[in-house]
């Protein structure tokens, strides 16, 4: 969907890699989540090529099956380059 309607989709990743088990089990609030979150506003454009490959593979003579069960991974380098929620909100308010 994101590749077909690029202006309507963003990716939000909350990076929990540095959190201890105790921190993960604690109650979550916006104040705890916001500094860990990264927004990738142009995710549709970034996944478009992969979606085209999957579409081609579905119709290939040696086709993939059960494509709805595919799992996609977004590399850390893509979402780490995202922006904060605060910056994203400011950006969409400008538009």
Protein backbone atom coordinates (compact mmCIF):
# COMPACT_ATOMS: atom_id res chain seq x y z
CA UNK A 1 0.00 0.00 0.00
CA UNK A 2 2.77 2.45 0.87
CA UNK A 3 4.39 2.11 -2.53
CA UNK A 4 1.07 2.74 -4.28
CA UNK A 5 -0.01 5.71 -2.14
CA UNK A 6 3.32 7.20 -1.16
CA UNK A 7 2.00 10.49 0.21
CA UNK A 8 -0.27 8.71 2.71
CA UNK A 9 2.25 6.46 4.48
CA UNK A 10 5.14 6.96 6.87
CA UNK A 11 7.18 4.46 8.84
CA UNK A 12 7.52 4.94 12.58
CA UNK A 13 10.21 2.90 14.34
CA UNK A 14 10.68 2.90 18.10
CA UNK A 15 14.25 1.79 18.76
CA UNK A 16 14.24 -0.47 21.80
CA UNK A 17 17.70 -1.93 21.24
CA UNK A 18 19.27 -0.07 24.15
CA UNK A 19 16.49 -0.80 26.64
CA UNK A 20 17.00 -3.25 29.47
CA UNK A 21 14.41 -5.91 30.33
CA UNK A 22 13.39 -3.80 33.31
CA UNK A 23 12.85 -0.73 31.10
CA UNK A 24 10.84 -2.77 28.59
CA UNK A 25 8.56 -4.05 31.36
CA UNK A 26 7.97 -0.59 32.85
CA UNK A 27 4.93 1.46 31.94
CA UNK A 28 5.24 3.36 28.66
CA UNK A 29 4.36 7.00 28.13
CA UNK A 30 4.74 9.49 25.30
CA UNK A 31 7.71 11.00 27.15
CA UNK A 32 9.52 7.65 27.09
CA UNK A 33 8.63 6.73 23.51
CA UNK A 34 9.20 10.04 21.72
CA UNK A 35 13.01 10.19 22.08
CA UNK A 36 13.26 6.60 20.81
CA UNK A 37 11.01 7.12 17.77
CA UNK A 38 12.13 7.87 14.22
CA UNK A 39 9.74 8.77 11.38
CA UNK A 40 10.56 7.96 7.74
CA UNK A 41 8.11 10.08 5.74
CA UNK A 42 9.09 8.81 2.29
CA UNK A 43 8.90 5.08 3.04
CA UNK A 44 6.65 4.39 0.04
CA UNK A 45 9.35 5.50 -2.36
CA UNK A 46 11.94 3.41 -0.53
CA UNK A 47 9.86 0.19 -0.76
CA UNK A 48 8.63 0.69 -4.32
CA UNK A 49 11.48 -1.23 -5.96
CA UNK A 50 11.00 -4.22 -3.64
CA UNK A 51 7.26 -4.24 -4.34
CA UNK A 52 7.92 -4.24 -8.07
CA UNK A 53 10.30 -7.21 -7.66
CA UNK A 54 7.64 -9.14 -5.71
CA UNK A 55 4.98 -8.34 -8.33
CA UNK A 56 7.30 -9.57 -11.07
CA UNK A 57 8.11 -12.71 -9.09
CA UNK A 58 4.40 -13.50 -8.69
CA UNK A 59 3.95 -13.60 -12.46
CA UNK A 60 7.28 -15.24 -13.31
CA UNK A 61 7.35 -18.72 -14.90
CA UNK A 62 8.98 -19.84 -11.64
CA UNK A 63 6.74 -17.79 -9.39
CA UNK A 64 6.74 -17.19 -5.67
CA UNK A 65 3.70 -18.39 -3.78
CA UNK A 66 2.06 -17.21 -0.60
CA UNK A 67 3.43 -13.70 -1.10
CA UNK A 68 1.03 -12.42 1.57
CA UNK A 69 3.16 -14.23 4.16
CA UNK A 70 6.35 -12.42 3.14
CA UNK A 71 8.03 -10.42 5.88
CA UNK A 72 9.89 -7.28 4.96
CA UNK A 73 12.78 -5.77 6.85
CA UNK A 74 13.78 -2.13 6.78
CA UNK A 75 17.52 -1.71 7.36
CA UNK A 76 18.63 0.28 10.39
CA UNK A 77 20.41 2.73 8.07
CA UNK A 78 17.05 3.68 6.54
CA UNK A 79 15.05 4.31 9.70
CA UNK A 80 17.94 5.76 11.73
CA UNK A 81 18.12 8.50 9.10
CA UNK A 82 14.48 9.32 9.85
CA UNK A 83 13.36 12.38 11.77
CA UNK A 84 11.93 12.88 15.24
CA UNK A 85 8.18 12.99 15.77
CA UNK A 86 8.48 16.68 16.70
CA UNK A 87 10.32 17.50 13.46
CA UNK A 88 7.86 15.45 11.42
CA UNK A 89 4.86 17.24 12.91
CA UNK A 90 6.52 20.61 12.22
CA UNK A 91 7.19 19.51 8.62
CA UNK A 92 3.60 18.44 7.94
CA UNK A 93 2.29 21.64 9.53
CA UNK A 94 4.39 23.63 7.02
CA UNK A 95 2.89 21.77 4.04
